[in-house]
Amino acid sequence: MSNNSAKKIINDPLKCADELFDGLVLAYDGKARKVGERSIVMNNLRPDAPALLVGGGAGHEPIYHGLVGKGMADGAAIGDIFAAPPPNIVLEATQAVSRGKGVLFLYGNYAGDVMNFDIGAELAADEGIEVRTVIIADDVCSAPPTAKGNRRGVAGLVPITKLAGAAAMTVSTLDELERIAQKAVDNTRTVGVSTKPGSIPATGQPTFELADDVIGLGMGIHGEKGVGLIPMCTADELAPKILDLIFADDLELNAGDEIVFFVNSLGSTHMMELLILLRAAVPLIEARGIKIHQTIVDNIVTCQEMAGVSFSVTKLDAELKALWDLPCESIGYTKL
């Protein structure tokens, strides 16, 4: 391993996805079980109810598979490091969560995930399981409002999964679950920035290059291109730049509106920095007359040792607020 390689305490770099999955199942203390090749499903699912299935590549822990839990997703299909779960894994997870009322697929907007989950849905339909799909596309910087369908799914998946999970715990039809999940997506926006790349365990090499004196504004969770590079700056200078991009989008946030505000670390940005950024952001939000119903500050949507931060805003109406206030419990996010 060269001096430029990331130091990781692992075994075989090519077995990281399977070994972290084994550890994840153990971390659930018997509340969830391994299914098939690489799926995780909760025990004690609500009978005769529509199911919520999430999924995506490993390497971004605790998402997605760490968002399986009580009041969260019923199960997850897990891919290799930064790779979509193949259709057979999607199918095994779908069969395991299905309780006769259909299954909702909820995942981020990446070509490989869309293709494999669509094939998985076709395979499930052949087995008599009805599947609907809601795609998370909250990344403001990856496409303009007129092309929202091209946007990536980033850290907004946390509040979206929380809201969809609360719905899955309470609604009785797949139609209602799909409607609420789509509403959560429609009301969520995210902007991220990066200061340092992450790496792929198989190579230990950085996934992109970024000079020390710049910040990648709007960069994706794998280092995908954003709106540009800006000079390295202070937290007080950066917070308004991120918020301005969110407020300039088509979410229509007005005085009196309530939001969930999520400050996320992409992996190696420390809580100290997140809290200093939160300190800078909250007065700017409150100055617009917007009320923060709940704040989340954590590293939940990550990319190995990538450094950077994202702000996610989810606009609440009465229905979403009631769902938000329900408790949930998972490895990645718990609300008492």
C-alpha atoms as a PDB file:
ATOM      1  CA  MET A   1       0.000   0.000   0.000  1.00  0.00           C
ATOM      2  CA  SER A   2       1.498   3.322  -1.073  1.00  0.00           C
ATOM      3  CA  ASN A   3       1.778   6.343   1.185  1.00  0.00           C
ATOM      4  CA  ASN A   4      -1.017   7.956  -0.839  1.00  0.00           C
ATOM      5  CA  SER A   5      -3.406   5.100  -0.127  1.00  0.00           C
ATOM      6  CA  ALA A   6      -6.091   5.358   2.520  1.00  0.00           C
ATOM      7  CA  LYS A   7      -5.306   3.310   5.628  1.00  0.00           C
ATOM      8  CA  LYS A   8      -8.256   1.076   6.480  1.00  0.00           C
ATOM      9  CA  ILE A   9      -8.560  -1.634   9.131  1.00  0.00           C
ATOM     10  CA  ILE A  10     -10.104  -4.342   6.957  1.00  0.00           C
ATOM     11  CA  ASN A  11      -9.396  -7.888   5.787  1.00  0.00           C
ATOM     12  CA  ASP A  12      -9.721  -8.594   2.065  1.00  0.00           C
ATOM     13  CA  PRO A  13     -10.436  -5.301   0.210  1.00  0.00           C
ATOM     14  CA  LEU A  14     -12.621  -7.231  -2.241  1.00  0.00           C
ATOM     15  CA  LYS A  15     -14.815  -8.647   0.532  1.00  0.00           C
ATOM     16  CA  CYS A  16     -15.635  -5.399   2.340  1.00  0.00           C
ATOM     17  CA  ALA A  17     -19.288  -5.281   1.276  1.00  0.00           C
ATOM     18  CA  ASP A  18     -20.008  -8.822   2.469  1.00  0.00           C
ATOM     19  CA  GLU A  19     -18.070  -8.443   5.717  1.00  0.00           C
ATOM     20  CA  LEU A  20     -19.560  -5.069   6.655  1.00  0.00           C
ATOM     21  CA  PHE A  21     -22.985  -6.592   5.909  1.00  0.00           C
ATOM     22  CA  ASP A  22     -22.312  -9.447   8.331  1.00  0.00           C
ATOM     23  CA  GLY A  23     -21.341  -6.873  10.957  1.00  0.00           C
ATOM     24  CA  LEU A  24     -24.446  -4.813  10.247  1.00  0.00           C
ATOM     25  CA  VAL A  25     -26.728  -7.787  10.878  1.00  0.00           C
ATOM     26  CA  LEU A  26     -24.956  -8.357  14.210  1.00  0.00           C
ATOM     27  CA  ALA A  27     -25.364  -4.681  15.102  1.00  0.00           C
ATOM     28  CA  TYR A  28     -29.158  -5.076  14.940  1.00  0.00           C
ATOM     29  CA  ASP A  29     -29.060  -7.405  17.983  1.00  0.00           C
ATOM     30  CA  GLY A  30     -31.502  -9.911  16.532  1.00  0.00           C
ATOM     31  CA  LYS A  31     -34.086  -7.342  15.389  1.00  0.00           C
ATOM     32  CA  ALA A  32     -33.154  -7.894  11.736  1.00  0.00           C
ATOM     33  CA  ARG A  33     -31.929 -10.877   9.753  1.00  0.00           C
ATOM     34  CA  LYS A  34     -29.839 -11.671   6.709  1.00  0.00           C
ATOM     35  CA  VAL A  35     -31.811 -12.799   3.668  1.00  0.00           C
ATOM     36  CA  GLY A  36     -30.282 -14.498   0.629  1.00  0.00           C
ATOM     37  CA  GLU A  37     -26.998 -13.172  -0.681  1.00  0.00           C
ATOM     38  CA  ARG A  38     -26.906  -9.623   0.691  1.00  0.00           C
ATOM     39  CA  SER A  39     -30.250  -8.328   1.939  1.00  0.00           C
ATOM     40  CA  ILE A  40     -31.328  -7.320   5.429  1.00  0.00           C
ATOM     41  CA  VAL A  41     -34.953  -7.478   6.617  1.00  0.00           C
ATOM     42  CA  MET A  42     -36.570  -6.580   9.917  1.00  0.00           C
ATOM     43  CA  ASN A  43     -38.154  -9.286  12.018  1.00  0.00           C
ATOM     44  CA  ASN A  44     -41.685  -8.648  13.364  1.00  0.00           C
ATOM     45  CA  LEU A  45     -42.977  -6.695  10.366  1.00  0.00           C
ATOM     46  CA  ARG A  46     -46.525  -5.317  10.575  1.00  0.00           C
ATOM     47  CA  PRO A  47     -48.749  -7.979   8.980  1.00  0.00           C
ATOM     48  CA  ASP A  48     -50.990  -7.336   5.978  1.00  0.00           C
ATOM     49  CA  ALA A  49     -49.285  -4.007   5.205  1.00  0.00           C
ATOM     50  CA  PRO A  50     -47.463  -2.424   2.259  1.00  0.00           C
ATOM     51  CA  ALA A  51     -43.669  -2.777   2.509  1.00  0.00           C
ATOM     52  CA  LEU A  52     -40.896  -0.218   2.196  1.00  0.00           C
ATOM     53  CA  LEU A  53     -37.667  -1.455   0.572  1.00  0.00           C
ATOM     54  CA  VAL A  54     -34.583   0.749   0.243  1.00  0.00           C
ATOM     55  CA  GLY A  55     -31.197  -0.034  -1.207  1.00  0.00           C
ATOM     56  CA  GLY A  56     -28.027   0.992  -2.940  1.00  0.00           C
ATOM     57  CA  GLY A  57     -24.299   0.485  -2.942  1.00  0.00           C
ATOM     58  CA  ALA A  58     -22.271  -0.296   0.157  1.00  0.00           C
ATOM     59  CA  GLY A  59     -19.510   2.059   1.278  1.00  0.00           C
ATOM     60  CA  HIS A  60     -21.843   4.919   2.269  1.00  0.00           C
ATOM     61  CA  GLU A  61     -22.666   3.572   5.724  1.00  0.00           C
ATOM     62  CA  PRO A  62     -24.866   3.843   7.583  1.00  0.00           C
ATOM     63  CA  ILE A  63     -27.089   4.422   4.534  1.00  0.00           C
ATOM     64  CA  TYR A  64     -29.118   2.770   3.086  1.00  0.00           C
ATOM     65  CA  HIS A  65     -29.045  -0.506   4.955  1.00  0.00           C
ATOM     66  CA  GLY A  66     -28.553   1.209   8.305  1.00  0.00           C
ATOM     67  CA  LEU A  67     -31.936   2.898   7.842  1.00  0.00           C
ATOM     68  CA  VAL A  68     -33.786  -0.396   8.246  1.00  0.00           C
ATOM     69  CA  GLY A  69     -35.687  -0.453  11.513  1.00  0.00           C
ATOM     70  CA  LYS A  70     -38.805   0.252  13.513  1.00  0.00           C
ATOM     71  CA  GLY A  71     -40.600   3.142  11.843  1.00  0.00           C
ATOM     72  CA  MET A  72     -37.975   3.143   9.095  1.00  0.00           C
ATOM     73  CA  ALA A  73     -37.487   0.832   6.084  1.00  0.00           C
ATOM     74  CA  ASP A  74     -38.631  -2.789   6.310  1.00  0.00           C
ATOM     75  CA  GLY A  75     -35.575  -4.053   4.468  1.00  0.00           C
ATOM     76  CA  ALA A  76     -32.681  -3.184   2.195  1.00  0.00           C
ATOM     77  CA  ALA A  77     -31.010  -4.656  -0.889  1.00  0.00           C
ATOM     78  CA  ILE A  78     -27.269  -4.030  -0.735  1.00  0.00           C
ATOM     79  CA  GLY A  79     -24.790  -3.711  -3.585  1.00  0.00           C
ATOM     80  CA  ASP A  80     -21.018  -3.966  -3.616  1.00  0.00           C
ATOM     81  CA  ILE A  81     -18.913  -0.923  -2.687  1.00  0.00           C
ATOM     82  CA  PHE A  82     -20.381   2.071  -4.589  1.00  0.00           C
ATOM     83  CA  ALA A  83     -22.313  -0.341  -6.851  1.00  0.00           C
ATOM     84  CA  ALA A  84     -26.033  -0.931  -7.276  1.00  0.00           C
ATOM     85  CA  PRO A  85     -27.480  -4.165  -5.858  1.00  0.00           C
ATOM     86  CA  PRO A  86     -27.945  -6.658  -8.718  1.00  0.00           C
ATOM     87  CA  PRO A  87     -31.518  -7.669  -9.672  1.00  0.00           C
ATOM     88  CA  ASN A  88     -31.338 -11.033  -7.889  1.00  0.00           C
ATOM     89  CA  ILE A  89     -30.569  -9.291  -4.596  1.00  0.00           C
ATOM     90  CA  VAL A  90     -33.379  -6.778  -5.224  1.00  0.00           C
ATOM     91  CA  LEU A  91     -35.744  -9.722  -5.804  1.00  0.00           C
ATOM     92  CA  GLU A  92     -34.709 -11.631  -2.682  1.00  0.00           C
ATOM     93  CA  ALA A  93     -35.235  -8.513  -0.562  1.00  0.00           C
ATOM     94  CA  THR A  94     -38.590  -7.799  -2.221  1.00  0.00           C
ATOM     95  CA  GLN A  95     -39.861 -11.328  -1.558  1.00  0.00           C
ATOM     96  CA  ALA A  96     -38.715 -11.124   2.067  1.00  0.00           C
ATOM     97  CA  VAL A  97     -40.474  -7.824   2.879  1.00  0.00           C
ATOM     98  CA  SER A  98     -43.670  -8.525   0.906  1.00  0.00           C
ATOM     99  CA  ARG A  99     -46.782  -9.168   3.029  1.00  0.00           C
ATOM    100  CA  GLY A 100     -49.388  -9.266   0.284  1.00  0.00           C
ATOM    101  CA  LYS A 101     -50.026  -5.514  -0.002  1.00  0.00           C
ATOM    102  CA  GLY A 102     -47.248  -4.611  -2.427  1.00  0.00           C
ATOM    103  CA  VAL A 103     -43.741  -3.201  -2.046  1.00  0.00           C
ATOM    104  CA  LEU A 104     -42.474   0.359  -2.521  1.00  0.00           C
ATOM    105  CA  PHE A 105     -38.906   0.734  -3.828  1.00  0.00           C
ATOM    106  CA  LEU A 106     -37.202   3.887  -2.517  1.00  0.00           C
ATOM    107  CA  TYR A 107     -33.651   4.631  -3.673  1.00  0.00           C
ATOM    108  CA  GLY A 108     -31.334   7.295  -5.081  1.00  0.00           C
ATOM    109  CA  ASN A 109     -31.322   8.421  -8.703  1.00  0.00           C
ATOM    110  CA  TYR A 110     -28.268   6.650 -10.151  1.00  0.00           C
ATOM    111  CA  ALA A 111     -28.331   4.829 -13.505  1.00  0.00           C
ATOM    112  CA  GLY A 112     -27.216   1.465 -12.119  1.00  0.00           C
ATOM    113  CA  ASP A 113     -29.748   1.519  -9.288  1.00  0.00           C
ATOM    114  CA  VAL A 114     -32.596   2.537 -11.611  1.00  0.00           C
ATOM    115  CA  MET A 115     -31.747  -0.265 -14.059  1.00  0.00           C
ATOM    116  CA  ASN A 116     -31.312  -3.010 -11.459  1.00  0.00           C
ATOM    117  CA  PHE A 117     -34.319  -2.068  -9.328  1.00  0.00           C
ATOM    118  CA  ASP A 118     -36.478  -1.883 -12.477  1.00  0.00           C
ATOM    119  CA  ILE A 119     -35.385  -5.404 -13.443  1.00  0.00           C
ATOM    120  CA  GLY A 120     -36.005  -6.509  -9.848  1.00  0.00           C
ATOM    121  CA  ALA A 121     -39.515  -5.032 -10.064  1.00  0.00           C
ATOM    122  CA  GLU A 122     -40.199  -7.006 -13.243  1.00  0.00           C
ATOM    123  CA  LEU A 123     -38.962 -10.206 -11.598  1.00  0.00           C
ATOM    124  CA  ALA A 124     -41.155  -9.491  -8.566  1.00  0.00           C
ATOM    125  CA  ALA A 125     -44.177  -8.894 -10.829  1.00  0.00           C
ATOM    126  CA  ASP A 126     -43.569 -12.347 -12.330  1.00  0.00           C
ATOM    127  CA  GLU A 127     -43.862 -13.693  -8.756  1.00  0.00           C
ATOM    128  CA  GLY A 128     -47.161 -11.856  -8.271  1.00  0.00           C
ATOM    129  CA  ILE A 129     -45.765  -9.013  -6.124  1.00  0.00           C
ATOM    130  CA  GLU A 130     -46.928  -5.492  -7.013  1.00  0.00           C
ATOM    131  CA  VAL A 131     -44.065  -2.975  -6.921  1.00  0.00           C
ATOM    132  CA  ARG A 132     -44.096   0.818  -7.113  1.00  0.00           C
ATOM    133  CA  THR A 133     -41.013   3.023  -7.256  1.00  0.00           C
ATOM    134  CA  VAL A 134     -40.198   6.448  -5.819  1.00  0.00           C
ATOM    135  CA  ILE A 135     -36.792   7.798  -6.770  1.00  0.00           C
ATOM    136  CA  ILE A 136     -34.905  10.176  -4.469  1.00  0.00           C
ATOM    137  CA  ALA A 137     -33.566  13.174  -6.427  1.00  0.00           C
ATOM    138  CA  ASP A 138     -32.829  15.932  -3.921  1.00  0.00           C
ATOM    139  CA  ASP A 139     -29.461  17.264  -5.167  1.00  0.00           C
ATOM    140  CA  VAL A 140     -30.160  20.841  -6.256  1.00  0.00           C
ATOM    141  CA  CYS A 141     -26.785  21.251  -7.956  1.00  0.00           C
ATOM    142  CA  SER A 142     -26.955  18.234 -10.262  1.00  0.00           C
ATOM    143  CA  ALA A 143     -29.736  19.586 -12.527  1.00  0.00           C
ATOM    144  CA  PRO A 144     -31.993  22.663 -12.760  1.00  0.00           C
ATOM    145  CA  PRO A 145     -35.601  22.618 -11.487  1.00  0.00           C
ATOM    146  CA  THR A 146     -36.818  22.105 -15.069  1.00  0.00           C
ATOM    147  CA  ALA A 147     -34.915  18.786 -15.167  1.00  0.00           C
ATOM    148  CA  LYS A 148     -35.546  17.506 -11.649  1.00  0.00           C
ATOM    149  CA  GLY A 149     -35.728  13.931 -12.916  1.00  0.00           C
ATOM    150  CA  ASN A 150     -31.991  14.092 -13.643  1.00  0.00           C
ATOM    151  CA  ARG A 151     -31.013  15.067 -10.103  1.00  0.00           C
ATOM    152  CA  ARG A 152     -28.989  12.715  -7.918  1.00  0.00           C
ATOM    153  CA  GLY A 153     -30.219  11.300  -4.633  1.00  0.00           C
ATOM    154  CA  VAL A 154     -28.004  12.476  -1.781  1.00  0.00           C
ATOM    155  CA  ALA A 155     -28.425  13.180   1.947  1.00  0.00           C
ATOM    156  CA  GLY A 156     -32.116  14.063   1.676  1.00  0.00           C
ATOM    157  CA  LEU A 157     -32.698  10.317   1.631  1.00  0.00           C
ATOM    158  CA  VAL A 158     -32.496  10.358   5.448  1.00  0.00           C
ATOM    159  CA  PRO A 159     -35.559  12.559   6.143  1.00  0.00           C
ATOM    160  CA  ILE A 160     -37.313  11.018   3.119  1.00  0.00           C
ATOM    161  CA  THR A 161     -36.779   7.462   4.420  1.00  0.00           C
ATOM    162  CA  LYS A 162     -37.880   8.566   7.905  1.00  0.00           C
ATOM    163  CA  LEU A 163     -41.136   9.978   6.531  1.00  0.00           C
ATOM    164  CA  ALA A 164     -41.769   7.003   4.231  1.00  0.00           C
ATOM    165  CA  GLY A 165     -40.972   4.630   7.114  1.00  0.00           C
ATOM    166  CA  ALA A 166     -43.513   6.377   9.332  1.00  0.00           C
ATOM    167  CA  ALA A 167     -46.050   6.054   6.532  1.00  0.00           C
ATOM    168  CA  ALA A 168     -45.261   2.348   6.093  1.00  0.00           C
ATOM    169  CA  MET A 169     -46.011   1.915   9.800  1.00  0.00           C
ATOM    170  CA  THR A 170     -49.438   3.565   9.542  1.00  0.00           C
ATOM    171  CA  VAL A 171     -51.012   3.405   6.070  1.00  0.00           C
ATOM    172  CA  SER A 172     -52.918   0.435   4.695  1.00  0.00           C
ATOM    173  CA  THR A 173     -52.371   0.712   0.925  1.00  0.00           C
ATOM    174  CA  LEU A 174     -49.447   0.868  -1.474  1.00  0.00           C
ATOM    175  CA  ASP A 175     -51.088   3.898  -3.115  1.00  0.00           C
ATOM    176  CA  GLU A 176     -50.893   5.856   0.146  1.00  0.00           C
ATOM    177  CA  LEU A 177     -47.304   4.787   0.829  1.00  0.00           C
ATOM    178  CA  GLU A 178     -46.237   5.823  -2.681  1.00  0.00           C
ATOM    179  CA  ARG A 179     -48.050   9.166  -2.417  1.00  0.00           C
ATOM    180  CA  ILE A 180     -46.436  10.101   0.894  1.00  0.00           C
ATOM    181  CA  ALA A 181     -42.960   8.978  -0.167  1.00  0.00           C
ATOM    182  CA  GLN A 182     -43.238  11.047  -3.348  1.00  0.00           C
ATOM    183  CA  LYS A 183     -44.469  14.022  -1.316  1.00  0.00           C
ATOM    184  CA  ALA A 184     -41.420  13.700   0.953  1.00  0.00           C
ATOM    185  CA  VAL A 185     -39.153  13.696  -2.118  1.00  0.00           C
ATOM    186  CA  ASP A 186     -40.944  16.692  -3.625  1.00  0.00           C
ATOM    187  CA  ASN A 187     -40.448  18.646  -0.377  1.00  0.00           C
ATOM    188  CA  THR A 188     -36.717  17.899   0.128  1.00  0.00           C
ATOM    189  CA  ARG A 189     -33.676  19.732  -1.248  1.00  0.00           C
ATOM    190  CA  THR A 190     -29.954  19.207  -0.591  1.00  0.00           C
ATOM    191  CA  VAL A 191     -26.712  20.992  -1.431  1.00  0.00           C
ATOM    192  CA  GLY A 192     -23.343  19.460  -0.551  1.00  0.00           C
ATOM    193  CA  VAL A 193     -19.743  20.613  -0.628  1.00  0.00           C
ATOM    194  CA  SER A 194     -16.513  18.653  -0.454  1.00  0.00           C
ATOM    195  CA  THR A 195     -13.025  19.478   0.765  1.00  0.00           C
ATOM    196  CA  LYS A 196     -11.313  16.077   0.354  1.00  0.00           C
ATOM    197  CA  PRO A 197     -12.006  12.908  -1.664  1.00  0.00           C
ATOM    198  CA  GLY A 198     -12.879   9.489  -0.339  1.00  0.00           C
ATOM    199  CA  SER A 199     -11.445   6.238  -1.663  1.00  0.00           C
ATOM    200  CA  ILE A 200     -12.465   2.776  -2.840  1.00  0.00           C
ATOM    201  CA  PRO A 201     -11.211   0.030  -0.476  1.00  0.00           C
ATOM    202  CA  ALA A 202     -10.175  -2.216  -3.394  1.00  0.00           C
ATOM    203  CA  THR A 203      -7.575   0.336  -4.540  1.00  0.00           C
ATOM    204  CA  GLY A 204      -7.124   2.704  -1.596  1.00  0.00           C
ATOM    205  CA  GLN A 205      -6.878   5.509  -4.144  1.00  0.00           C
ATOM    206  CA  PRO A 206      -8.912   8.738  -4.059  1.00  0.00           C
ATOM    207  CA  THR A 207     -12.069   8.799  -6.193  1.00  0.00           C
ATOM    208  CA  PHE A 208     -11.370  12.342  -7.439  1.00  0.00           C
ATOM    209  CA  GLU A 209      -8.829  15.150  -7.075  1.00  0.00           C
ATOM    210  CA  LEU A 210      -9.401  18.424  -5.258  1.00  0.00           C
ATOM    211  CA  ALA A 211      -6.756  21.046  -4.533  1.00  0.00           C
ATOM    212  CA  ASP A 212      -6.175  22.043  -0.913  1.00  0.00           C
ATOM    213  CA  ASP A 213      -7.184  25.677  -1.456  1.00  0.00           C
ATOM    214  CA  VAL A 214     -10.650  25.051  -2.944  1.00  0.00           C
ATOM    215  CA  ILE A 215     -14.056  23.626  -2.005  1.00  0.00           C
ATOM    216  CA  GLY A 216     -16.150  21.642  -4.467  1.00  0.00           C
ATOM    217  CA  LEU A 217     -19.555  23.357  -4.342  1.00  0.00           C
ATOM    218  CA  GLY A 218     -22.481  21.055  -5.115  1.00  0.00           C
ATOM    219  CA  MET A 219     -20.283  17.997  -5.439  1.00  0.00           C
ATOM    220  CA  GLY A 220     -21.995  14.589  -5.187  1.00  0.00           C
ATOM    221  CA  ILE A 221     -21.388  11.849  -2.618  1.00  0.00           C
ATOM    222  CA  HIS A 222     -18.928  10.070  -4.936  1.00  0.00           C
ATOM    223  CA  GLY A 223     -17.253  13.328  -5.964  1.00  0.00           C
ATOM    224  CA  GLU A 224     -19.489  13.970  -8.979  1.00  0.00           C
ATOM    225  CA  LYS A 225     -19.190  17.437 -10.449  1.00  0.00           C
ATOM    226  CA  GLY A 226     -21.166  20.226  -8.825  1.00  0.00           C
ATOM    227  CA  VAL A 227     -21.693  23.854  -9.802  1.00  0.00           C
ATOM    228  CA  GLY A 228     -18.013  24.663  -9.472  1.00  0.00           C
ATOM    229  CA  LEU A 229     -14.999  25.249  -7.293  1.00  0.00           C
ATOM    230  CA  ILE A 230     -14.868  28.097  -4.795  1.00  0.00           C
ATOM    231  CA  PRO A 231     -11.887  29.285  -2.734  1.00  0.00           C
ATOM    232  CA  MET A 232     -11.482  27.638   0.668  1.00  0.00           C
ATOM    233  CA  CYS A 233     -13.432  29.793   3.129  1.00  0.00           C
ATOM    234  CA  THR A 234     -14.748  30.044   6.674  1.00  0.00           C
ATOM    235  CA  ALA A 235     -17.940  28.443   8.004  1.00  0.00           C
ATOM    236  CA  ASP A 236     -19.619  31.846   8.232  1.00  0.00           C
ATOM    237  CA  GLU A 237     -18.838  32.431   4.539  1.00  0.00           C
ATOM    238  CA  LEU A 238     -19.810  28.940   3.380  1.00  0.00           C
ATOM    239  CA  ALA A 239     -23.191  28.541   5.111  1.00  0.00           C
ATOM    240  CA  PRO A 240     -24.926  31.358   3.163  1.00  0.00           C
ATOM    241  CA  LYS A 241     -23.508  30.054  -0.139  1.00  0.00           C
ATOM    242  CA  ILE A 242     -25.093  26.627   0.491  1.00  0.00           C
ATOM    243  CA  LEU A 243     -28.401  28.029   1.756  1.00  0.00           C
ATOM    244  CA  ASP A 244     -28.696  30.510  -1.122  1.00  0.00           C
ATOM    245  CA  LEU A 245     -28.633  27.608  -3.591  1.00  0.00           C
ATOM    246  CA  ILE A 246     -31.395  25.822  -1.655  1.00  0.00           C
ATOM    247  CA  PHE A 247     -33.551  28.939  -1.258  1.00  0.00           C
ATOM    248  CA  ALA A 248     -33.126  29.803  -4.958  1.00  0.00           C
ATOM    249  CA  ASP A 249     -34.638  26.467  -5.975  1.00  0.00           C
ATOM    250  CA  ASP A 250     -38.352  25.827  -6.532  1.00  0.00           C
ATOM    251  CA  LEU A 251     -39.257  24.583  -3.034  1.00  0.00           C
ATOM    252  CA  GLU A 252     -41.026  27.892  -2.244  1.00  0.00           C
ATOM    253  CA  LEU A 253     -40.047  28.342   1.373  1.00  0.00           C
ATOM    254  CA  ASN A 254     -41.968  31.219   2.929  1.00  0.00           C
ATOM    255  CA  ALA A 255     -42.217  32.883   6.322  1.00  0.00           C
ATOM    256  CA  GLY A 256     -44.170  30.621   8.647  1.00  0.00           C
ATOM    257  CA  ASP A 257     -43.108  27.386   6.945  1.00  0.00           C
ATOM    258  CA  GLU A 258     -41.627  24.610   9.085  1.00  0.00           C
ATOM    259  CA  ILE A 259     -38.694  22.439   8.055  1.00  0.00           C
ATOM    260  CA  VAL A 260     -36.456  19.603   9.135  1.00  0.00           C
ATOM    261  CA  PHE A 261     -32.854  20.805   8.799  1.00  0.00           C
ATOM    262  CA  PHE A 262     -30.201  18.110   8.350  1.00  0.00           C
ATOM    263  CA  VAL A 263     -26.488  18.919   8.522  1.00  0.00           C
ATOM    264  CA  ASN A 264     -24.587  15.856   7.289  1.00  0.00           C
ATOM    265  CA  SER A 265     -20.891  14.968   7.234  1.00  0.00           C
ATOM    266  CA  LEU A 266     -19.685  13.118   4.150  1.00  0.00           C
ATOM    267  CA  GLY A 267     -17.407  10.979   6.316  1.00  0.00           C
ATOM    268  CA  SER A 268     -14.388  12.642   7.882  1.00  0.00           C
ATOM    269  CA  THR A 269     -15.699  16.138   8.560  1.00  0.00           C
ATOM    270  CA  HIS A 270     -15.947  16.338  12.337  1.00  0.00           C
ATOM    271  CA  MET A 271     -18.889  17.229  14.534  1.00  0.00           C
ATOM    272  CA  MET A 272     -17.011  20.400  15.530  1.00  0.00           C
ATOM    273  CA  GLU A 273     -17.232  21.705  11.956  1.00  0.00           C
ATOM    274  CA  LEU A 274     -20.866  20.626  11.562  1.00  0.00           C
ATOM    275  CA  LEU A 275     -21.851  22.495  14.715  1.00  0.00           C
ATOM    276  CA  ILE A 276     -19.975  25.650  13.664  1.00  0.00           C
ATOM    277  CA  LEU A 277     -21.765  25.500  10.289  1.00  0.00           C
ATOM    278  CA  LEU A 278     -25.098  24.952  12.067  1.00  0.00           C
ATOM    279  CA  ARG A 279     -24.385  28.033  14.185  1.00  0.00           C
ATOM    280  CA  ALA A 280     -23.870  30.014  10.974  1.00  0.00           C
ATOM    281  CA  ALA A 281     -26.912  28.585   9.165  1.00  0.00           C
ATOM    282  CA  VAL A 282     -29.712  28.798  11.737  1.00  0.00           C
ATOM    283  CA  PRO A 283     -29.852  32.628  11.990  1.00  0.00           C
ATOM    284  CA  LEU A 284     -30.017  32.839   8.183  1.00  0.00           C
ATOM    285  CA  ILE A 285     -32.971  30.424   8.111  1.00  0.00           C
ATOM    286  CA  GLU A 286     -34.748  32.169  10.987  1.00  0.00           C
ATOM    287  CA  ALA A 287     -34.221  35.580   9.337  1.00  0.00           C
ATOM    288  CA  ARG A 288     -36.535  34.366   6.568  1.00  0.00           C
ATOM    289  CA  GLY A 289     -39.249  33.555   9.117  1.00  0.00           C
ATOM    290  CA  ILE A 290     -38.796  29.815   8.587  1.00  0.00           C
ATOM    291  CA  LYS A 291     -39.157  27.651  11.684  1.00  0.00           C
ATOM    292  CA  ILE A 292     -36.868  24.655  12.226  1.00  0.00           C
ATOM    293  CA  HIS A 293     -39.098  21.884  13.589  1.00  0.00           C
ATOM    294  CA  GLN A 294     -36.162  19.538  14.098  1.00  0.00           C
ATOM    295  CA  THR A 295     -32.411  19.672  13.542  1.00  0.00           C
ATOM    296  CA  ILE A 296     -30.289  16.628  12.701  1.00  0.00           C
ATOM    297  CA  VAL A 297     -26.498  16.934  12.908  1.00  0.00           C
ATOM    298  CA  ASP A 298     -24.691  13.690  12.111  1.00  0.00           C
ATOM    299  CA  ASN A 299     -22.669  11.694   9.593  1.00  0.00           C
ATOM    300  CA  ILE A 300     -25.288   9.414   8.001  1.00  0.00           C
ATOM    301  CA  VAL A 301     -24.683   9.754   4.249  1.00  0.00           C
ATOM    302  CA  THR A 302     -20.970   9.179   3.800  1.00  0.00           C
ATOM    303  CA  CYS A 303     -18.322   8.285   1.243  1.00  0.00           C
ATOM    304  CA  GLN A 304     -15.519   6.624   3.204  1.00  0.00           C
ATOM    305  CA  GLU A 305     -13.022   9.273   4.396  1.00  0.00           C
ATOM    306  CA  MET A 306     -14.410  11.959   2.084  1.00  0.00           C
ATOM    307  CA  ALA A 307     -14.553  15.329   3.822  1.00  0.00           C
ATOM    308  CA  GLY A 308     -17.367  17.749   3.276  1.00  0.00           C
ATOM    309  CA  VAL A 309     -20.837  18.646   4.430  1.00  0.00           C
ATOM    310  CA  SER A 310     -24.357  18.876   3.060  1.00  0.00           C
ATOM    311  CA  PHE A 311     -27.419  20.820   4.144  1.00  0.00           C
ATOM    312  CA  SER A 312     -30.812  19.193   3.548  1.00  0.00           C
ATOM    313  CA  VAL A 313     -34.130  20.970   3.998  1.00  0.00           C
ATOM    314  CA  THR A 314     -37.459  19.120   4.147  1.00  0.00           C
ATOM    315  CA  LYS A 315     -40.550  21.323   4.110  1.00  0.00           C
ATOM    316  CA  LEU A 316     -43.299  20.002   6.385  1.00  0.00           C
ATOM    317  CA  ASP A 317     -47.043  20.346   6.042  1.00  0.00           C
ATOM    318  CA  ALA A 318     -49.493  19.035   8.651  1.00  0.00           C
ATOM    319  CA  GLU A 319     -49.428  15.479   7.256  1.00  0.00           C
ATOM    320  CA  LEU A 320     -45.640  15.232   6.978  1.00  0.00           C
ATOM    321  CA  LYS A 321     -45.166  16.865  10.391  1.00  0.00           C
ATOM    322  CA  ALA A 322     -47.393  14.252  12.062  1.00  0.00           C
ATOM    323  CA  LEU A 323     -45.406  11.475  10.360  1.00  0.00           C
ATOM    324  CA  TRP A 324     -42.105  13.117  11.295  1.00  0.00           C
ATOM    325  CA  ASP A 325     -43.075  13.225  14.974  1.00  0.00           C
ATOM    326  CA  LEU A 326     -43.536   9.438  15.171  1.00  0.00           C
ATOM    327  CA  PRO A 327     -40.574   7.653  16.810  1.00  0.00           C
ATOM    328  CA  CYS A 328     -38.196   5.509  14.801  1.00  0.00           C
ATOM    329  CA  GLU A 329     -35.219   3.298  15.580  1.00  0.00           C
ATOM    330  CA  SER A 330     -32.392   2.171  13.292  1.00  0.00           C
ATOM    331  CA  ILE A 331     -28.611   1.925  13.246  1.00  0.00           C
ATOM    332  CA  GLY A 332     -28.297   5.080  11.152  1.00  0.00           C
ATOM    333  CA  TYR A 333     -31.000   7.316  12.559  1.00  0.00           C
ATOM    334  CA  THR A 334     -33.132   7.040  15.688  1.00  0.00           C
ATOM    335  CA  LYS A 335     -35.802   9.482  16.854  1.00  0.00           C
ATOM    336  CA  LEU A 336     -37.200   9.050  20.354  1.00  0.00           C
END
